[in-house]
PDB file of all heavy atoms in Angstrom:
ATOM      1  N   ASP A   1     -24.383  10.682   6.862  1.00  0.00           N
ATOM      2  CA  ASP A   1     -24.305  11.879   6.027  1.00  0.00           C
ATOM      3  C   ASP A   1     -23.695  12.977   6.873  1.00  0.00           C
ATOM      4  O   ASP A   1     -24.032  13.117   8.051  1.00  0.00           O
ATOM      5  CB  ASP A   1     -25.700  12.331   5.573  1.00  0.00           C
ATOM      6  CG  ASP A   1     -26.288  11.394   4.530  1.00  0.00           C
ATOM      7  OD1 ASP A   1     -25.519  10.837   3.732  1.00  0.00           O
ATOM      8  OD2 ASP A   1     -27.519  11.227   4.534  1.00  0.00           O
ATOM      9  N   HIS A   2     -22.806  13.755   6.276  1.00  0.00           N
ATOM     10  CA  HIS A   2     -22.191  14.852   7.024  1.00  0.00           C
ATOM     11  C   HIS A   2     -21.877  15.988   6.072  1.00  0.00           C
ATOM     12  O   HIS A   2     -21.382  15.762   4.975  1.00  0.00           O
ATOM     13  CB  HIS A   2     -20.915  14.387   7.724  1.00  0.00           C
ATOM     14  CG  HIS A   2     -20.266  15.445   8.552  1.00  0.00           C
ATOM     15  ND1 HIS A   2     -20.863  15.949   9.685  1.00  0.00           N
ATOM     16  CD2 HIS A   2     -19.107  16.107   8.401  1.00  0.00           C
ATOM     17  CE1 HIS A   2     -20.074  16.873  10.209  1.00  0.00           C
ATOM     18  NE2 HIS A   2     -18.998  16.992   9.449  1.00  0.00           N
ATOM     19  N   THR A   3     -22.171  17.210   6.492  1.00  0.00           N
ATOM     20  CA  THR A   3     -21.839  18.400   5.718  1.00  0.00           C
ATOM     21  C   THR A   3     -20.686  19.110   6.408  1.00  0.00           C
ATOM     22  O   THR A   3     -20.788  19.468   7.584  1.00  0.00           O
ATOM     23  CB  THR A   3     -23.048  19.340   5.616  1.00  0.00           C
ATOM     24  OG1 THR A   3     -24.120  18.622   4.999  1.00  0.00           O
ATOM     25  CG2 THR A   3     -22.715  20.570   4.787  1.00  0.00           C
ATOM     26  N   PHE A   4     -19.601  19.273   5.691  1.00  0.00           N
ATOM     27  CA  PHE A   4     -18.438  19.973   6.228  1.00  0.00           C
ATOM     28  C   PHE A   4     -18.611  21.469   6.022  1.00  0.00           C
ATOM     29  O   PHE A   4     -19.118  21.909   4.996  1.00  0.00           O
ATOM     30  CB  PHE A   4     -17.157  19.489   5.538  1.00  0.00           C
ATOM     31  CG  PHE A   4     -16.796  18.071   5.893  1.00  0.00           C
ATOM     32  CD1 PHE A   4     -17.322  17.009   5.174  1.00  0.00           C
ATOM     33  CD2 PHE A   4     -15.955  17.801   6.955  1.00  0.00           C
ATOM     34  CE1 PHE A   4     -17.002  15.702   5.503  1.00  0.00           C
ATOM     35  CE2 PHE A   4     -15.632  16.493   7.296  1.00  0.00           C
ATOM     36  CZ  PHE A   4     -16.152  15.446   6.571  1.00  0.00           C
ATOM     37  N   ALA A   5     -18.153  22.255   7.000  1.00  0.00           N
ATOM     38  CA  ALA A   5     -18.325  23.707   6.944  1.00  0.00           C
ATOM     39  C   ALA A   5     -17.373  24.368   5.948  1.00  0.00           C
ATOM     40  O   ALA A   5     -17.667  25.430   5.417  1.00  0.00           O
ATOM     41  CB  ALA A   5     -18.123  24.310   8.326  1.00  0.00           C
ATOM     42  N   SER A   6     -16.241  23.738   5.688  1.00  0.00           N
ATOM     43  CA  SER A   6     -15.293  24.343   4.750  1.00  0.00           C
ATOM     44  C   SER A   6     -14.505  23.255   4.033  1.00  0.00           C
ATOM     45  O   SER A   6     -14.511  22.093   4.440  1.00  0.00           O
ATOM     46  CB  SER A   6     -14.347  25.307   5.482  1.00  0.00           C
ATOM     47  OG  SER A   6     -13.629  24.621   6.479  1.00  0.00           O
ATOM     48  N   THR A   7     -13.836  23.661   2.964  1.00  0.00           N
ATOM     49  CA  THR A   7     -13.049  22.717   2.181  1.00  0.00           C
ATOM     50  C   THR A   7     -11.787  22.340   2.950  1.00  0.00           C
ATOM     51  O   THR A   7     -11.376  23.031   3.879  1.00  0.00           O
ATOM     52  CB  THR A   7     -12.669  23.331   0.823  1.00  0.00           C
ATOM     53  OG1 THR A   7     -11.914  24.514   1.065  1.00  0.00           O
ATOM     54  CG2 THR A   7     -13.893  23.655   0.003  1.00  0.00           C
ATOM     55  N   GLY A   8     -11.180  21.245   2.553  1.00  0.00           N
ATOM     56  CA  GLY A   8      -9.943  20.805   3.188  1.00  0.00           C
ATOM     57  C   GLY A   8      -9.851  19.296   3.181  1.00  0.00           C
ATOM     58  O   GLY A   8     -10.678  18.600   2.594  1.00  0.00           O
ATOM     59  N   VAL A   9      -8.810  18.779   3.854  1.00  0.00           N
ATOM     60  CA  VAL A   9      -8.628  17.337   3.990  1.00  0.00           C
ATOM     61  C   VAL A   9      -8.921  16.978   5.440  1.00  0.00           C
ATOM     62  O   VAL A   9      -8.352  17.572   6.363  1.00  0.00           O
ATOM     63  CB  VAL A   9      -7.201  16.913   3.602  1.00  0.00           C
ATOM     64  CG1 VAL A   9      -7.019  15.414   3.795  1.00  0.00           C
ATOM     65  CG2 VAL A   9      -6.899  17.310   2.165  1.00  0.00           C
ATOM     66  N   TYR A  10      -9.845  16.048   5.635  1.00  0.00           N
ATOM     67  CA  TYR A  10     -10.251  15.627   6.969  1.00  0.00           C
ATOM     68  C   TYR A  10      -9.972  14.138   7.138  1.00  0.00           C
ATOM     69  O   TYR A  10     -10.124  13.368   6.191  1.00  0.00           O
ATOM     70  CB  TYR A  10     -11.746  15.881   7.185  1.00  0.00           C
ATOM     71  CG  TYR A  10     -12.129  17.333   7.083  1.00  0.00           C
ATOM     72  CD1 TYR A  10     -12.515  17.887   5.866  1.00  0.00           C
ATOM     73  CD2 TYR A  10     -12.090  18.158   8.201  1.00  0.00           C
ATOM     74  CE1 TYR A  10     -12.853  19.227   5.770  1.00  0.00           C
ATOM     75  CE2 TYR A  10     -12.429  19.499   8.114  1.00  0.00           C
ATOM     76  CZ  TYR A  10     -12.807  20.030   6.899  1.00  0.00           C
ATOM     77  OH  TYR A  10     -13.140  21.353   6.805  1.00  0.00           O
ATOM     78  N   THR A  11      -9.548  13.736   8.340  1.00  0.00           N
ATOM     79  CA  THR A  11      -9.390  12.322   8.649  1.00  0.00           C
ATOM     80  C   THR A  11     -10.679  11.858   9.316  1.00  0.00           C
ATOM     81  O   THR A  11     -10.990  12.258  10.437  1.00  0.00           O
ATOM     82  CB  THR A  11      -8.185  12.083   9.572  1.00  0.00           C
ATOM     83  OG1 THR A  11      -7.017  12.566   8.904  1.00  0.00           O
ATOM     84  CG2 THR A  11      -8.020  10.600   9.869  1.00  0.00           C
ATOM     85  N   VAL A  12     -11.423  11.036   8.589  1.00  0.00           N
ATOM     86  CA  VAL A  12     -12.699  10.523   9.086  1.00  0.00           C
ATOM     87  C   VAL A  12     -12.437   9.157   9.702  1.00  0.00           C
ATOM     88  O   VAL A  12     -11.816   8.291   9.083  1.00  0.00           O
ATOM     89  CB  VAL A  12     -13.738  10.427   7.950  1.00  0.00           C
ATOM     90  CG1 VAL A  12     -15.034   9.816   8.452  1.00  0.00           C
ATOM     91  CG2 VAL A  12     -13.975  11.801   7.339  1.00  0.00           C
ATOM     92  N   GLN A  13     -12.899   8.978  10.943  1.00  0.00           N
ATOM     93  CA  GLN A  13     -12.672   7.727  11.656  1.00  0.00           C
ATOM     94  C   GLN A  13     -14.019   7.063  11.954  1.00  0.00           C
ATOM     95  O   GLN A  13     -14.974   7.734  12.342  1.00  0.00           O
ATOM     96  CB  GLN A  13     -11.938   8.006  12.968  1.00  0.00           C
ATOM     97  CG  GLN A  13     -11.619   6.737  13.751  1.00  0.00           C
ATOM     98  CD  GLN A  13     -10.807   7.032  15.003  1.00  0.00           C
ATOM     99  OE1 GLN A  13     -10.890   8.113  15.573  1.00  0.00           O
ATOM    100  NE2 GLN A  13     -10.014   6.057  15.430  1.00  0.00           N
ATOM    101  N   LEU A  14     -14.059   5.756  11.746  1.00  0.00           N
ATOM    102  CA  LEU A  14     -15.237   4.958  12.071  1.00  0.00           C
ATOM    103  C   LEU A  14     -14.842   3.944  13.137  1.00  0.00           C
ATOM    104  O   LEU A  14     -13.879   3.189  12.965  1.00  0.00           O
ATOM    105  CB  LEU A  14     -15.767   4.227  10.832  1.00  0.00           C
ATOM    106  CG  LEU A  14     -16.878   3.199  11.079  1.00  0.00           C
ATOM    107  CD1 LEU A  14     -18.113   3.855  11.683  1.00  0.00           C
ATOM    108  CD2 LEU A  14     -17.222   2.480   9.781  1.00  0.00           C
ATOM    109  N   THR A  15     -15.580   3.946  14.244  1.00  0.00           N
ATOM    110  CA  THR A  15     -15.373   2.969  15.311  1.00  0.00           C
ATOM    111  C   THR A  15     -16.639   2.120  15.415  1.00  0.00           C
ATOM    112  O   THR A  15     -17.741   2.662  15.502  1.00  0.00           O
ATOM    113  CB  THR A  15     -15.102   3.686  16.659  1.00  0.00           C
ATOM    114  OG1 THR A  15     -13.972   4.544  16.493  1.00  0.00           O
ATOM    115  CG2 THR A  15     -14.821   2.679  17.758  1.00  0.00           C
ATOM    116  N   VAL A  16     -16.443   0.801  15.370  1.00  0.00           N
ATOM    117  CA  VAL A  16     -17.587  -0.109  15.447  1.00  0.00           C
ATOM    118  C   VAL A  16     -17.483  -0.951  16.715  1.00  0.00           C
ATOM    119  O   VAL A  16     -16.387  -1.241  17.195  1.00  0.00           O
ATOM    120  CB  VAL A  16     -17.690  -1.032  14.205  1.00  0.00           C
ATOM    121  CG1 VAL A  16     -17.948  -0.218  12.953  1.00  0.00           C
ATOM    122  CG2 VAL A  16     -16.457  -1.898  14.057  1.00  0.00           C
ATOM    123  N   THR A  17     -18.639  -1.317  17.235  1.00  0.00           N
ATOM    124  CA  THR A  17     -18.713  -2.178  18.414  1.00  0.00           C
ATOM    125  C   THR A  17     -19.625  -3.354  18.083  1.00  0.00           C
ATOM    126  O   THR A  17     -20.713  -3.150  17.528  1.00  0.00           O
ATOM    127  CB  THR A  17     -19.296  -1.401  19.619  1.00  0.00           C
ATOM    128  OG1 THR A  17     -18.565  -0.195  19.800  1.00  0.00           O
ATOM    129  CG2 THR A  17     -19.227  -2.235  20.891  1.00  0.00           C
ATOM    130  N   ASP A  18     -19.181  -4.571  18.406  1.00  0.00           N
ATOM    131  CA  ASP A  18     -20.048  -5.725  18.142  1.00  0.00           C
ATOM    132  C   ASP A  18     -20.841  -6.097  19.397  1.00  0.00           C
ATOM    133  O   ASP A  18     -20.714  -5.463  20.439  1.00  0.00           O
ATOM    134  CB  ASP A  18     -19.257  -6.913  17.575  1.00  0.00           C
ATOM    135  CG  ASP A  18     -18.384  -7.623  18.599  1.00  0.00           C
ATOM    136  OD1 ASP A  18     -18.476  -7.326  19.809  1.00  0.00           O
ATOM    137  OD2 ASP A  18     -17.601  -8.486  18.165  1.00  0.00           O
ATOM    138  N   GLU A  19     -21.669  -7.142  19.261  1.00  0.00           N
ATOM    139  CA  GLU A  19     -22.583  -7.498  20.354  1.00  0.00           C
ATOM    140  C   GLU A  19     -21.854  -7.976  21.606  1.00  0.00           C
ATOM    141  O   GLU A  19     -22.424  -7.977  22.697  1.00  0.00           O
ATOM    142  CB  GLU A  19     -23.612  -8.535  19.865  1.00  0.00           C
ATOM    143  CG  GLU A  19     -23.150  -9.982  19.881  1.00  0.00           C
ATOM    144  CD  GLU A  19     -22.265 -10.379  18.704  1.00  0.00           C
ATOM    145  OE1 GLU A  19     -21.976  -9.522  17.842  1.00  0.00           O
ATOM    146  OE2 GLU A  19     -21.862 -11.546  18.633  1.00  0.00           O
ATOM    147  N   THR A  20     -20.575  -8.353  21.489  1.00  0.00           N
ATOM    148  CA  THR A  20     -19.814  -8.796  22.667  1.00  0.00           C
ATOM    149  C   THR A  20     -19.025  -7.657  23.295  1.00  0.00           C
ATOM    150  O   THR A  20     -18.338  -7.857  24.288  1.00  0.00           O
ATOM    151  CB  THR A  20     -18.826  -9.920  22.289  1.00  0.00           C
ATOM    152  OG1 THR A  20     -17.808  -9.377  21.445  1.00  0.00           O
ATOM    153  CG2 THR A  20     -19.545 -11.075  21.619  1.00  0.00           C
ATOM    154  N   GLY A  21     -19.093  -6.454  22.685  1.00  0.00           N
ATOM    155  CA  GLY A  21     -18.367  -5.309  23.225  1.00  0.00           C
ATOM    156  C   GLY A  21     -16.999  -5.102  22.616  1.00  0.00           C
ATOM    157  O   GLY A  21     -16.276  -4.177  23.005  1.00  0.00           O
ATOM    158  N   LEU A  22     -16.616  -5.949  21.656  1.00  0.00           N
ATOM    159  CA  LEU A  22     -15.329  -5.761  20.985  1.00  0.00           C
ATOM    160  C   LEU A  22     -15.414  -4.543  20.072  1.00  0.00           C
ATOM    161  O   LEU A  22     -16.430  -4.298  19.419  1.00  0.00           O
ATOM    162  CB  LEU A  22     -14.943  -7.004  20.177  1.00  0.00           C
ATOM    163  CG  LEU A  22     -14.583  -8.242  20.994  1.00  0.00           C
ATOM    164  CD1 LEU A  22     -14.352  -9.434  20.068  1.00  0.00           C
ATOM    165  CD2 LEU A  22     -13.335  -7.972  21.845  1.00  0.00           C
ATOM    166  N   ILE A  23     -14.316  -3.792  20.025  1.00  0.00           N
ATOM    167  CA  ILE A  23     -14.297  -2.536  19.276  1.00  0.00           C
ATOM    168  C   ILE A  23     -13.255  -2.615  18.172  1.00  0.00           C
ATOM    169  O   ILE A  23     -12.135  -3.110  18.379  1.00  0.00           O
ATOM    170  CB  ILE A  23     -13.982  -1.351  20.222  1.00  0.00           C
ATOM    171  CG1 ILE A  23     -15.109  -1.195  21.245  1.00  0.00           C
ATOM    172  CG2 ILE A  23     -13.771  -0.060  19.442  1.00  0.00           C
ATOM    173  CD1 ILE A  23     -14.820  -0.180  22.331  1.00  0.00           C
ATOM    174  N   GLY A  24     -13.624  -2.136  16.995  1.00  0.00           N
ATOM    175  CA  GLY A  24     -12.706  -2.013  15.878  1.00  0.00           C
ATOM    176  C   GLY A  24     -12.783  -0.607  15.323  1.00  0.00           C
ATOM    177  O   GLY A  24     -13.805   0.074  15.460  1.00  0.00           O
ATOM    178  N   SER A  25     -11.672  -0.161  14.725  1.00  0.00           N
ATOM    179  CA  SER A  25     -11.653   1.218  14.233  1.00  0.00           C
ATOM    180  C   SER A  25     -10.845   1.311  12.955  1.00  0.00           C
ATOM    181  O   SER A  25      -9.877   0.566  12.771  1.00  0.00           O
ATOM    182  CB  SER A  25     -11.047   2.124  15.311  1.00  0.00           C
ATOM    183  OG  SER A  25     -11.053   3.456  14.883  1.00  0.00           O
ATOM    184  N   THR A  26     -11.248   2.211  12.090  1.00  0.00           N
ATOM    185  CA  THR A  26     -10.499   2.487  10.871  1.00  0.00           C
ATOM    186  C   THR A  26     -10.650   3.963  10.554  1.00  0.00           C
ATOM    187  O   THR A  26     -11.615   4.611  10.984  1.00  0.00           O
ATOM    188  CB  THR A  26     -10.989   1.618   9.691  1.00  0.00           C
ATOM    189  OG1 THR A  26     -10.154   1.848   8.557  1.00  0.00           O
ATOM    190  CG2 THR A  26     -12.438   1.954   9.321  1.00  0.00           C
ATOM    191  N   SER A  27      -9.698   4.501   9.816  1.00  0.00           N
ATOM    192  CA  SER A  27      -9.813   5.906   9.425  1.00  0.00           C
ATOM    193  C   SER A  27      -9.321   6.082   7.999  1.00  0.00           C
ATOM    194  O   SER A  27      -8.572   5.251   7.479  1.00  0.00           O
ATOM    195  CB  SER A  27      -9.017   6.806  10.377  1.00  0.00           C
ATOM    196  OG  SER A  27      -7.644   6.497  10.310  1.00  0.00           O
ATOM    197  N   GLN A  28      -9.776   7.172   7.378  1.00  0.00           N
ATOM    198  CA  GLN A  28      -9.399   7.462   6.002  1.00  0.00           C
ATOM    199  C   GLN A  28      -9.429   8.958   5.790  1.00  0.00           C
ATOM    200  O   GLN A  28     -10.314   9.652   6.296  1.00  0.00           O
ATOM    201  CB  GLN A  28     -10.380   6.777   5.043  1.00  0.00           C
ATOM    202  CG  GLN A  28     -10.055   7.004   3.581  1.00  0.00           C
ATOM    203  CD  GLN A  28     -10.915   6.138   2.676  1.00  0.00           C
ATOM    204  OE1 GLN A  28     -11.424   5.111   3.069  1.00  0.00           O
ATOM    205  NE2 GLN A  28     -11.080   6.582   1.451  1.00  0.00           N
ATOM    206  N   ALA A  29      -8.446   9.460   5.038  1.00  0.00           N
ATOM    207  CA  ALA A  29      -8.426  10.883   4.695  1.00  0.00           C
ATOM    208  C   ALA A  29      -9.461  11.147   3.604  1.00  0.00           C
ATOM    209  O   ALA A  29      -9.556  10.410   2.630  1.00  0.00           O
ATOM    210  CB  ALA A  29      -7.040  11.296   4.216  1.00  0.00           C
ATOM    211  N   VAL A  30     -10.254  12.198   3.792  1.00  0.00           N
ATOM    212  CA  VAL A  30     -11.293  12.579   2.837  1.00  0.00           C
ATOM    213  C   VAL A  30     -11.029  14.019   2.417  1.00  0.00           C
ATOM    214  O   VAL A  30     -10.862  14.892   3.271  1.00  0.00           O
ATOM    215  CB  VAL A  30     -12.693  12.454   3.482  1.00  0.00           C
ATOM    216  CG1 VAL A  30     -13.763  12.974   2.542  1.00  0.00           C
ATOM    217  CG2 VAL A  30     -12.967  11.017   3.879  1.00  0.00           C
ATOM    218  N   THR A  31     -10.984  14.259   1.108  1.00  0.00           N
ATOM    219  CA  THR A  31     -10.796  15.617   0.601  1.00  0.00           C
ATOM    220  C   THR A  31     -12.163  16.215   0.295  1.00  0.00           C
ATOM    221  O   THR A  31     -12.936  15.639  -0.474  1.00  0.00           O
ATOM    222  CB  THR A  31      -9.921  15.625  -0.669  1.00  0.00           C
ATOM    223  OG1 THR A  31      -8.655  15.048  -0.340  1.00  0.00           O
ATOM    224  CG2 THR A  31      -9.717  17.038  -1.182  1.00  0.00           C
ATOM    225  N   VAL A  32     -12.454  17.357   0.917  1.00  0.00           N
ATOM    226  CA  VAL A  32     -13.734  18.029   0.740  1.00  0.00           C
ATOM    227  C   VAL A  32     -13.504  19.248  -0.152  1.00  0.00           C
ATOM    228  O   VAL A  32     -12.677  20.102   0.153  1.00  0.00           O
ATOM    229  CB  VAL A  32     -14.317  18.460   2.107  1.00  0.00           C
ATOM    230  CG1 VAL A  32     -15.613  19.226   1.913  1.00  0.00           C
ATOM    231  CG2 VAL A  32     -14.529  17.243   2.989  1.00  0.00           C
ATOM    232  N   THR A  33     -14.227  19.285  -1.260  1.00  0.00           N
ATOM    233  CA  THR A  33     -14.117  20.422  -2.174  1.00  0.00           C
ATOM    234  C   THR A  33     -15.429  21.180  -2.196  1.00  0.00           C
ATOM    235  O   THR A  33     -16.462  20.668  -1.772  1.00  0.00           O
ATOM    236  CB  THR A  33     -13.776  19.962  -3.606  1.00  0.00           C
ATOM    237  OG1 THR A  33     -14.797  19.068  -4.045  1.00  0.00           O
ATOM    238  CG2 THR A  33     -12.433  19.245  -3.659  1.00  0.00           C
ATOM    239  N   ALA A  34     -15.373  22.394  -2.706  1.00  0.00           N
ATOM    240  CA  ALA A  34     -16.575  23.227  -2.780  1.00  0.00           C
ATOM    241  C   ALA A  34     -17.471  22.763  -3.919  1.00  0.00           C
ATOM    242  O   ALA A  34     -17.008  22.165  -4.884  1.00  0.00           O
ATOM    243  CB  ALA A  34     -16.180  24.690  -2.977  1.00  0.00           C
ATOM    244  N   GLY A  35     -18.735  23.077  -3.798  1.00  0.00           N
ATOM    245  CA  GLY A  35     -19.681  22.780  -4.867  1.00  0.00           C
ATOM    246  C   GLY A  35     -19.535  23.779  -6.007  1.00  0.00           C
ATOM    247  O   GLY A  35     -18.719  24.699  -5.968  1.00  0.00           O
ATOM    248  N   ASN A  36     -20.342  23.596  -7.035  1.00  0.00           N
ATOM    249  CA  ASN A  36     -20.295  24.503  -8.173  1.00  0.00           C
ATOM    250  C   ASN A  36     -20.815  25.881  -7.787  1.00  0.00           C
ATOM    251  O   ASN A  36     -21.708  25.998  -6.953  1.00  0.00           O
ATOM    252  CB  ASN A  36     -21.127  23.954  -9.328  1.00  0.00           C
ATOM    253  CG  ASN A  36     -20.448  22.796 -10.018  1.00  0.00           C
ATOM    254  OD1 ASN A  36     -19.330  22.432  -9.707  1.00  0.00           O
ATOM    255  ND2 ASN A  36     -21.143  22.205 -10.951  1.00  0.00           N
ATOM    256  N   PRO A  37     -20.265  26.908  -8.410  1.00  0.00           N
ATOM    257  CA  PRO A  37     -20.791  28.251  -8.165  1.00  0.00           C
ATOM    258  C   PRO A  37     -22.178  28.390  -8.787  1.00  0.00           C
ATOM    259  O   PRO A  37     -22.536  27.641  -9.686  1.00  0.00           O
ATOM    260  CB  PRO A  37     -19.776  29.165  -8.857  1.00  0.00           C
ATOM    261  CG  PRO A  37     -19.186  28.318  -9.942  1.00  0.00           C
ATOM    262  CD  PRO A  37     -19.175  26.909  -9.393  1.00  0.00           C
ATOM    263  N   VAL A  38     -22.938  29.356  -8.278  1.00  0.00           N
ATOM    264  CA  VAL A  38     -24.293  29.596  -8.778  1.00  0.00           C
ATOM    265  C   VAL A  38     -24.296  30.929  -9.523  1.00  0.00           C
ATOM    266  O   VAL A  38     -24.015  31.981  -8.942  1.00  0.00           O
ATOM    267  CB  VAL A  38     -25.304  29.626  -7.619  1.00  0.00           C
ATOM    268  CG1 VAL A  38     -26.696  29.960  -8.136  1.00  0.00           C
ATOM    269  CG2 VAL A  38     -25.302  28.293  -6.883  1.00  0.00           C
ATOM    270  N   ALA A  39     -24.594  30.869 -10.822  1.00  0.00           N
ATOM    271  CA  ALA A  39     -24.629  32.069 -11.648  1.00  0.00           C
ATOM    272  C   ALA A  39     -25.996  32.737 -11.539  1.00  0.00           C
ATOM    273  O   ALA A  39     -27.024  32.066 -11.507  1.00  0.00           O
ATOM    274  CB  ALA A  39     -24.328  31.722 -13.108  1.00  0.00           C
ATOM    275  N   ASP A  40     -25.995  34.070 -11.486  1.00  0.00           N
ATOM    276  CA  ASP A  40     -27.237  34.834 -11.484  1.00  0.00           C
ATOM    277  C   ASP A  40     -26.910  36.242 -11.977  1.00  0.00           C
ATOM    278  O   ASP A  40     -25.776  36.709 -11.834  1.00  0.00           O
ATOM    279  CB  ASP A  40     -27.847  34.883 -10.087  1.00  0.00           C
ATOM    280  CG  ASP A  40     -29.306  35.348 -10.109  1.00  0.00           C
ATOM    281  OD1 ASP A  40     -29.888  35.478 -11.208  1.00  0.00           O
ATOM    282  OD2 ASP A  40     -29.855  35.585  -9.025  1.00  0.00           O
TER     283      ASP A  40
END
């Protein structure tokens, strides 16, 4: 879980390591938008 401080497009990268020490990585662009406004 991650909360971004501001809107925008972020490249999120995941790096995994297996039990033998081999490393794999992938990344994906994520668009972060603002939540709904609060009326009062």
